[in-house]
Amino acid sequence: MTRVSEETGCSKDKLTYTIDEYYTVFYSKQCRHLPKRITFDACGEKRTYKHNGLSGAILYWLLGSWTLDKK
């Protein structure tokens, strides 16, 4: 949320988001809830970010690369 806020100039308290897609296959049932694609509404501007893959560690997901989906 911090990144989207900085990129759009929209304060974090005005951001909303929808998780469009989850990881459905992973190493354990506990990890299947992780988002794969998220769309933010940043003060009227829609931006979709996708995650570029999971490694074997949950920490990687938290710090892993999210890119703007330009579809």
PDB file of N, CA and C in Angstrom:
ATOM      1  N   MET A   1       0.818  -1.179   0.000  1.00  0.00           N
ATOM      2  CA  MET A   1       0.000   0.000   0.000  1.00  0.00           C
ATOM      3  C   MET A   1       0.872   1.256   0.000  1.00  0.00           C
ATOM      4  N   THR A   2       1.999   1.169   0.683  1.00  0.00           N
ATOM      5  CA  THR A   2       2.904   2.314   0.709  1.00  0.00           C
ATOM      6  C   THR A   2       3.403   2.636  -0.688  1.00  0.00           C
ATOM      7  N   ARG A   3       3.777   1.609  -1.420  1.00  0.00           N
ATOM      8  CA  ARG A   3       4.284   1.808  -2.776  1.00  0.00           C
ATOM      9  C   ARG A   3       3.226   2.437  -3.672  1.00  0.00           C
ATOM     10  N   VAL A   4       2.004   1.931  -3.635  1.00  0.00           N
ATOM     11  CA  VAL A   4       0.936   2.469  -4.471  1.00  0.00           C
ATOM     12  C   VAL A   4       0.649   3.917  -4.083  1.00  0.00           C
ATOM     13  N   SER A   5       0.639   4.190  -2.798  1.00  0.00           N
ATOM     14  CA  SER A   5       0.425   5.552  -2.318  1.00  0.00           C
ATOM     15  C   SER A   5       1.495   6.503  -2.859  1.00  0.00           C
ATOM     16  N   GLU A   6       2.743   6.062  -2.805  1.00  0.00           N
ATOM     17  CA  GLU A   6       3.846   6.892  -3.302  1.00  0.00           C
ATOM     18  C   GLU A   6       3.780   7.072  -4.811  1.00  0.00           C
ATOM     19  N   GLU A   7       3.451   6.004  -5.542  1.00  0.00           N
ATOM     20  CA  GLU A   7       3.412   6.075  -7.005  1.00  0.00           C
ATOM     21  C   GLU A   7       2.256   6.926  -7.525  1.00  0.00           C
ATOM     22  N   THR A   8       1.160   6.958  -6.789  1.00  0.00           N
ATOM     23  CA  THR A   8      -0.023   7.668  -7.273  1.00  0.00           C
ATOM     24  C   THR A   8      -0.245   9.012  -6.592  1.00  0.00           C
ATOM     25  N   GLY A   9       0.406   9.231  -5.464  1.00  0.00           N
ATOM     26  CA  GLY A   9       0.181  10.456  -4.713  1.00  0.00           C
ATOM     27  C   GLY A   9      -1.133  10.434  -3.934  1.00  0.00           C
ATOM     28  N   CYS A  10      -1.739   9.276  -3.805  1.00  0.00           N
ATOM     29  CA  CYS A  10      -2.990   9.100  -3.080  1.00  0.00           C
ATOM     30  C   CYS A  10      -2.654   8.591  -1.677  1.00  0.00           C
ATOM     31  N   SER A  11      -3.204   9.213  -0.646  1.00  0.00           N
ATOM     32  CA  SER A  11      -2.873   8.786   0.713  1.00  0.00           C
ATOM     33  C   SER A  11      -3.387   7.365   0.982  1.00  0.00           C
ATOM     34  N   LYS A  12      -2.681   6.658   1.860  1.00  0.00           N
ATOM     35  CA  LYS A  12      -3.015   5.253   2.147  1.00  0.00           C
ATOM     36  C   LYS A  12      -4.431   5.085   2.680  1.00  0.00           C
ATOM     37  N   ASP A  13      -4.931   6.062   3.413  1.00  0.00           N
ATOM     38  CA  ASP A  13      -6.274   5.924   3.975  1.00  0.00           C
ATOM     39  C   ASP A  13      -7.375   6.054   2.919  1.00  0.00           C
ATOM     40  N   LYS A  14      -7.008   6.486   1.708  1.00  0.00           N
ATOM     41  CA  LYS A  14      -7.981   6.583   0.620  1.00  0.00           C
ATOM     42  C   LYS A  14      -7.863   5.426  -0.377  1.00  0.00           C
ATOM     43  N   LEU A  15      -6.884   4.555  -0.181  1.00  0.00           N
ATOM     44  CA  LEU A  15      -6.688   3.411  -1.078  1.00  0.00           C
ATOM     45  C   LEU A  15      -7.663   2.286  -0.732  1.00  0.00           C
ATOM     46  N   THR A  16      -8.196   1.658  -1.756  1.00  0.00           N
ATOM     47  CA  THR A  16      -8.943   0.419  -1.586  1.00  0.00           C
ATOM     48  C   THR A  16      -8.349  -0.587  -2.563  1.00  0.00           C
ATOM     49  N   TYR A  17      -8.571  -1.856  -2.283  1.00  0.00           N
ATOM     50  CA  TYR A  17      -8.035  -2.863  -3.194  1.00  0.00           C
ATOM     51  C   TYR A  17      -8.938  -4.081  -3.235  1.00  0.00           C
ATOM     52  N   THR A  18      -8.795  -4.807  -4.338  1.00  0.00           N
ATOM     53  CA  THR A  18      -9.497  -6.066  -4.545  1.00  0.00           C
ATOM     54  C   THR A  18      -8.462  -7.097  -4.954  1.00  0.00           C
ATOM     55  N   ILE A  19      -8.516  -8.269  -4.336  1.00  0.00           N
ATOM     56  CA  ILE A  19      -7.624  -9.357  -4.746  1.00  0.00           C
ATOM     57  C   ILE A  19      -8.310 -10.083  -5.887  1.00  0.00           C
ATOM     58  N   ASP A  20      -7.704 -10.003  -7.068  1.00  0.00           N
ATOM     59  CA  ASP A  20      -8.282 -10.564  -8.282  1.00  0.00           C
ATOM     60  C   ASP A  20      -7.970 -12.039  -8.472  1.00  0.00           C
ATOM     61  N   GLU A  21      -6.823 -12.456  -7.958  1.00  0.00           N
ATOM     62  CA  GLU A  21      -6.386 -13.842  -8.169  1.00  0.00           C
ATOM     63  C   GLU A  21      -5.490 -14.259  -7.021  1.00  0.00           C
ATOM     64  N   TYR A  22      -5.664 -15.497  -6.599  1.00  0.00           N
ATOM     65  CA  TYR A  22      -4.843 -16.072  -5.527  1.00  0.00           C
ATOM     66  C   TYR A  22      -3.964 -17.166  -6.108  1.00  0.00           C
ATOM     67  N   TYR A  23      -2.886 -17.461  -5.405  1.00  0.00           N
ATOM     68  CA  TYR A  23      -2.130 -18.671  -5.724  1.00  0.00           C
ATOM     69  C   TYR A  23      -2.998 -19.851  -5.308  1.00  0.00           C
ATOM     70  N   THR A  24      -3.155 -20.814  -6.166  1.00  0.00           N
ATOM     71  CA  THR A  24      -4.006 -21.960  -5.847  1.00  0.00           C
ATOM     72  C   THR A  24      -3.207 -23.236  -5.648  1.00  0.00           C
ATOM     73  N   VAL A  25      -1.993 -23.270  -6.121  1.00  0.00           N
ATOM     74  CA  VAL A  25      -1.145 -24.447  -5.939  1.00  0.00           C
ATOM     75  C   VAL A  25       0.146 -23.961  -5.308  1.00  0.00           C
ATOM     76  N   PHE A  26       0.492 -24.545  -4.202  1.00  0.00           N
ATOM     77  CA  PHE A  26       1.732 -24.160  -3.541  1.00  0.00           C
ATOM     78  C   PHE A  26       2.158 -25.303  -2.644  1.00  0.00           C
ATOM     79  N   TYR A  27       3.114 -25.052  -1.806  1.00  0.00           N
ATOM     80  CA  TYR A  27       3.717 -26.105  -1.008  1.00  0.00           C
ATOM     81  C   TYR A  27       2.833 -26.582   0.138  1.00  0.00           C
ATOM     82  N   SER A  28       1.937 -25.738   0.606  1.00  0.00           N
ATOM     83  CA  SER A  28       1.091 -26.143   1.719  1.00  0.00           C
ATOM     84  C   SER A  28      -0.268 -25.465   1.624  1.00  0.00           C
ATOM     85  N   LYS A  29      -1.255 -26.013   2.283  1.00  0.00           N
ATOM     86  CA  LYS A  29      -2.592 -25.428   2.282  1.00  0.00           C
ATOM     87  C   LYS A  29      -2.600 -24.035   2.899  1.00  0.00           C
ATOM     88  N   GLN A  30      -1.741 -23.783   3.848  1.00  0.00           N
ATOM     89  CA  GLN A  30      -1.701 -22.492   4.515  1.00  0.00           C
ATOM     90  C   GLN A  30      -1.306 -21.360   3.567  1.00  0.00           C
ATOM     91  N   CYS A  31      -0.575 -21.672   2.507  1.00  0.00           N
ATOM     92  CA  CYS A  31      -0.075 -20.628   1.607  1.00  0.00           C
ATOM     93  C   CYS A  31      -1.015 -20.351   0.432  1.00  0.00           C
ATOM     94  N   ARG A  32      -2.074 -21.080   0.318  1.00  0.00           N
ATOM     95  CA  ARG A  32      -2.935 -20.921  -0.854  1.00  0.00           C
ATOM     96  C   ARG A  32      -3.777 -19.655  -0.831  1.00  0.00           C
ATOM     97  N   HIS A  33      -3.775 -18.943   0.270  1.00  0.00           N
ATOM     98  CA  HIS A  33      -4.541 -17.706   0.355  1.00  0.00           C
ATOM     99  C   HIS A  33      -3.748 -16.493  -0.124  1.00  0.00           C
ATOM    100  N   LEU A  34      -2.484 -16.658  -0.482  1.00  0.00           N
ATOM    101  CA  LEU A  34      -1.655 -15.520  -0.861  1.00  0.00           C
ATOM    102  C   LEU A  34      -2.126 -14.915  -2.186  1.00  0.00           C
ATOM    103  N   PRO A  35      -2.226 -13.594  -2.245  1.00  0.00           N
ATOM    104  CA  PRO A  35      -2.665 -12.963  -3.489  1.00  0.00           C
ATOM    105  C   PRO A  35      -1.611 -13.039  -4.583  1.00  0.00           C
ATOM    106  N   LYS A  36      -2.080 -13.199  -5.797  1.00  0.00           N
ATOM    107  CA  LYS A  36      -1.216 -13.237  -6.974  1.00  0.00           C
ATOM    108  C   LYS A  36      -1.401 -11.973  -7.809  1.00  0.00           C
ATOM    109  N   ARG A  37      -2.610 -11.440  -7.824  1.00  0.00           N
ATOM    110  CA  ARG A  37      -2.912 -10.223  -8.583  1.00  0.00           C
ATOM    111  C   ARG A  37      -3.864  -9.357  -7.750  1.00  0.00           C
ATOM    112  N   ILE A  38      -3.509  -8.076  -7.598  1.00  0.00           N
ATOM    113  CA  ILE A  38      -4.287  -7.140  -6.788  1.00  0.00           C
ATOM    114  C   ILE A  38      -4.564  -5.885  -7.609  1.00  0.00           C
ATOM    115  N   THR A  39      -5.810  -5.406  -7.567  1.00  0.00           N
ATOM    116  CA  THR A  39      -6.157  -4.147  -8.206  1.00  0.00           C
ATOM    117  C   THR A  39      -6.458  -3.123  -7.127  1.00  0.00           C
ATOM    118  N   PHE A  40      -5.765  -1.991  -7.212  1.00  0.00           N
ATOM    119  CA  PHE A  40      -5.959  -0.892  -6.276  1.00  0.00           C
ATOM    120  C   PHE A  40      -6.784   0.202  -6.932  1.00  0.00           C
ATOM    121  N   ASP A  41      -7.642   0.821  -6.149  1.00  0.00           N
ATOM    122  CA  ASP A  41      -8.308   2.052  -6.559  1.00  0.00           C
ATOM    123  C   ASP A  41      -7.633   3.151  -5.753  1.00  0.00           C
ATOM    124  N   ALA A  42      -6.825   3.942  -6.437  1.00  0.00           N
ATOM    125  CA  ALA A  42      -6.051   4.994  -5.789  1.00  0.00           C
ATOM    126  C   ALA A  42      -6.625   6.342  -6.199  1.00  0.00           C
ATOM    127  N   CYS A  43      -7.577   6.826  -5.414  1.00  0.00           N
ATOM    128  CA  CYS A  43      -8.227   8.114  -5.688  1.00  0.00           C
ATOM    129  C   CYS A  43      -8.810   8.148  -7.102  1.00  0.00           C
ATOM    130  N   GLY A  44      -9.468   7.071  -7.492  1.00  0.00           N
ATOM    131  CA  GLY A  44     -10.121   6.989  -8.804  1.00  0.00           C
ATOM    132  C   GLY A  44      -9.268   6.368  -9.896  1.00  0.00           C
ATOM    133  N   GLU A  45      -7.998   6.172  -9.659  1.00  0.00           N
ATOM    134  CA  GLU A  45      -7.108   5.544 -10.642  1.00  0.00           C
ATOM    135  C   GLU A  45      -6.970   4.070 -10.310  1.00  0.00           C
ATOM    136  N   LYS A  46      -7.277   3.202 -11.259  1.00  0.00           N
ATOM    137  CA  LYS A  46      -7.149   1.753 -11.066  1.00  0.00           C
ATOM    138  C   LYS A  46      -5.760   1.311 -11.512  1.00  0.00           C
ATOM    139  N   ARG A  47      -5.097   0.560 -10.639  1.00  0.00           N
ATOM    140  CA  ARG A  47      -3.779   0.006 -10.943  1.00  0.00           C
ATOM    141  C   ARG A  47      -3.757  -1.446 -10.499  1.00  0.00           C
ATOM    142  N   THR A  48      -3.353  -2.321 -11.406  1.00  0.00           N
ATOM    143  CA  THR A  48      -3.284  -3.745 -11.097  1.00  0.00           C
ATOM    144  C   THR A  48      -1.824  -4.172 -11.017  1.00  0.00           C
ATOM    145  N   TYR A  49      -1.502  -4.876  -9.944  1.00  0.00           N
ATOM    146  CA  TYR A  49      -0.148  -5.390  -9.738  1.00  0.00           C
ATOM    147  C   TYR A  49      -0.199  -6.900  -9.695  1.00  0.00           C
ATOM    148  N   LYS A  50       0.818  -7.521 -10.283  1.00  0.00           N
ATOM    149  CA  LYS A  50       0.904  -8.980 -10.220  1.00  0.00           C
ATOM    150  C   LYS A  50       2.209  -9.367  -9.551  1.00  0.00           C
ATOM    151  N   HIS A  51       2.151 -10.490  -8.865  1.00  0.00           N
ATOM    152  CA  HIS A  51       3.327 -11.003  -8.181  1.00  0.00           C
ATOM    153  C   HIS A  51       4.079 -11.899  -9.153  1.00  0.00           C
ATOM    154  N   ASN A  52       5.385 -11.830  -9.124  1.00  0.00           N
ATOM    155  CA  ASN A  52       6.203 -12.558 -10.094  1.00  0.00           C
ATOM    156  C   ASN A  52       6.683 -13.912  -9.619  1.00  0.00           C
ATOM    157  N   GLY A  53       5.893 -14.578  -8.815  1.00  0.00           N
ATOM    158  CA  GLY A  53       6.222 -15.953  -8.472  1.00  0.00           C
ATOM    159  C   GLY A  53       6.645 -16.156  -7.044  1.00  0.00           C
ATOM    160  N   LEU A  54       6.399 -17.341  -6.580  1.00  0.00           N
ATOM    161  CA  LEU A  54       6.735 -17.723  -5.218  1.00  0.00           C
ATOM    162  C   LEU A  54       7.990 -18.565  -5.191  1.00  0.00           C
ATOM    163  N   SER A  55       8.725 -18.399  -4.117  1.00  0.00           N
ATOM    164  CA  SER A  55       9.833 -19.317  -3.867  1.00  0.00           C
ATOM    165  C   SER A  55       9.375 -20.248  -2.768  1.00  0.00           C
ATOM    166  N   GLY A  56      10.263 -20.908  -2.133  1.00  0.00           N
ATOM    167  CA  GLY A  56       9.886 -21.824  -1.070  1.00  0.00           C
ATOM    168  C   GLY A  56       9.647 -21.156   0.267  1.00  0.00           C
ATOM    169  N   ALA A  57       9.751 -19.838   0.340  1.00  0.00           N
ATOM    170  CA  ALA A  57       9.642 -19.168   1.635  1.00  0.00           C
ATOM    171  C   ALA A  57       8.571 -18.094   1.618  1.00  0.00           C
ATOM    172  N   ILE A  58       7.818 -18.037   2.676  1.00  0.00           N
ATOM    173  CA  ILE A  58       6.759 -17.043   2.791  1.00  0.00           C
ATOM    174  C   ILE A  58       7.349 -15.640   2.849  1.00  0.00           C
ATOM    175  N   LEU A  59       8.534 -15.503   3.455  1.00  0.00           N
ATOM    176  CA  LEU A  59       9.165 -14.193   3.528  1.00  0.00           C
ATOM    177  C   LEU A  59       9.418 -13.637   2.136  1.00  0.00           C
ATOM    178  N   TYR A  60       9.757 -14.510   1.186  1.00  0.00           N
ATOM    179  CA  TYR A  60       9.975 -14.034  -0.174  1.00  0.00           C
ATOM    180  C   TYR A  60       8.714 -13.408  -0.735  1.00  0.00           C
ATOM    181  N   TRP A  61       7.545 -14.008  -0.432  1.00  0.00           N
ATOM    182  CA  TRP A  61       6.304 -13.437  -0.939  1.00  0.00           C
ATOM    183  C   TRP A  61       6.129 -12.017  -0.423  1.00  0.00           C
ATOM    184  N   LEU A  62       6.418 -11.808   0.843  1.00  0.00           N
ATOM    185  CA  LEU A  62       6.251 -10.483   1.426  1.00  0.00           C
ATOM    186  C   LEU A  62       7.187  -9.463   0.800  1.00  0.00           C
ATOM    187  N   LEU A  63       8.398  -9.895   0.473  1.00  0.00           N
ATOM    188  CA  LEU A  63       9.392  -8.995  -0.076  1.00  0.00           C
ATOM    189  C   LEU A  63       9.575  -9.169  -1.574  1.00  0.00           C
ATOM    190  N   GLY A  64       8.900 -10.141  -2.144  1.00  0.00           N
ATOM    191  CA  GLY A  64       9.086 -10.472  -3.554  1.00  0.00           C
ATOM    192  C   GLY A  64       8.633  -9.372  -4.487  1.00  0.00           C
ATOM    193  N   SER A  65       8.893  -9.577  -5.737  1.00  0.00           N
ATOM    194  CA  SER A  65       8.644  -8.515  -6.696  1.00  0.00           C
ATOM    195  C   SER A  65       7.187  -8.461  -7.144  1.00  0.00           C
ATOM    196  N   TRP A  66       6.635  -7.294  -7.036  1.00  0.00           N
ATOM    197  CA  TRP A  66       5.305  -6.966  -7.540  1.00  0.00           C
ATOM    198  C   TRP A  66       5.502  -5.989  -8.686  1.00  0.00           C
ATOM    199  N   THR A  67       4.887  -6.263  -9.827  1.00  0.00           N
ATOM    200  CA  THR A  67       5.031  -5.357 -10.965  1.00  0.00           C
ATOM    201  C   THR A  67       3.664  -4.879 -11.416  1.00  0.00           C
ATOM    202  N   LEU A  68       3.664  -3.697 -11.986  1.00  0.00           N
ATOM    203  CA  LEU A  68       2.442  -3.128 -12.525  1.00  0.00           C
ATOM    204  C   LEU A  68       2.043  -3.949 -13.735  1.00  0.00           C
ATOM    205  N   ASP A  69       0.813  -4.420 -13.758  1.00  0.00           N
ATOM    206  CA  ASP A  69       0.307  -5.244 -14.857  1.00  0.00           C
ATOM    207  C   ASP A  69      -0.196  -4.296 -15.943  1.00  0.00           C
ATOM    208  N   LYS A  70       0.441  -4.335 -17.076  1.00  0.00           N
ATOM    209  CA  LYS A  70       0.121  -3.396 -18.159  1.00  0.00           C
ATOM    210  C   LYS A  70      -0.769  -4.019 -19.221  1.00  0.00           C
ATOM    211  N   LYS A  71      -1.800  -4.720 -18.773  1.00  0.00           N
ATOM    212  CA  LYS A  71      -2.662  -5.350 -19.771  1.00  0.00           C
ATOM    213  C   LYS A  71      -3.777  -4.450 -20.201  1.00  0.00           C
TER     214      LYS A  71
END
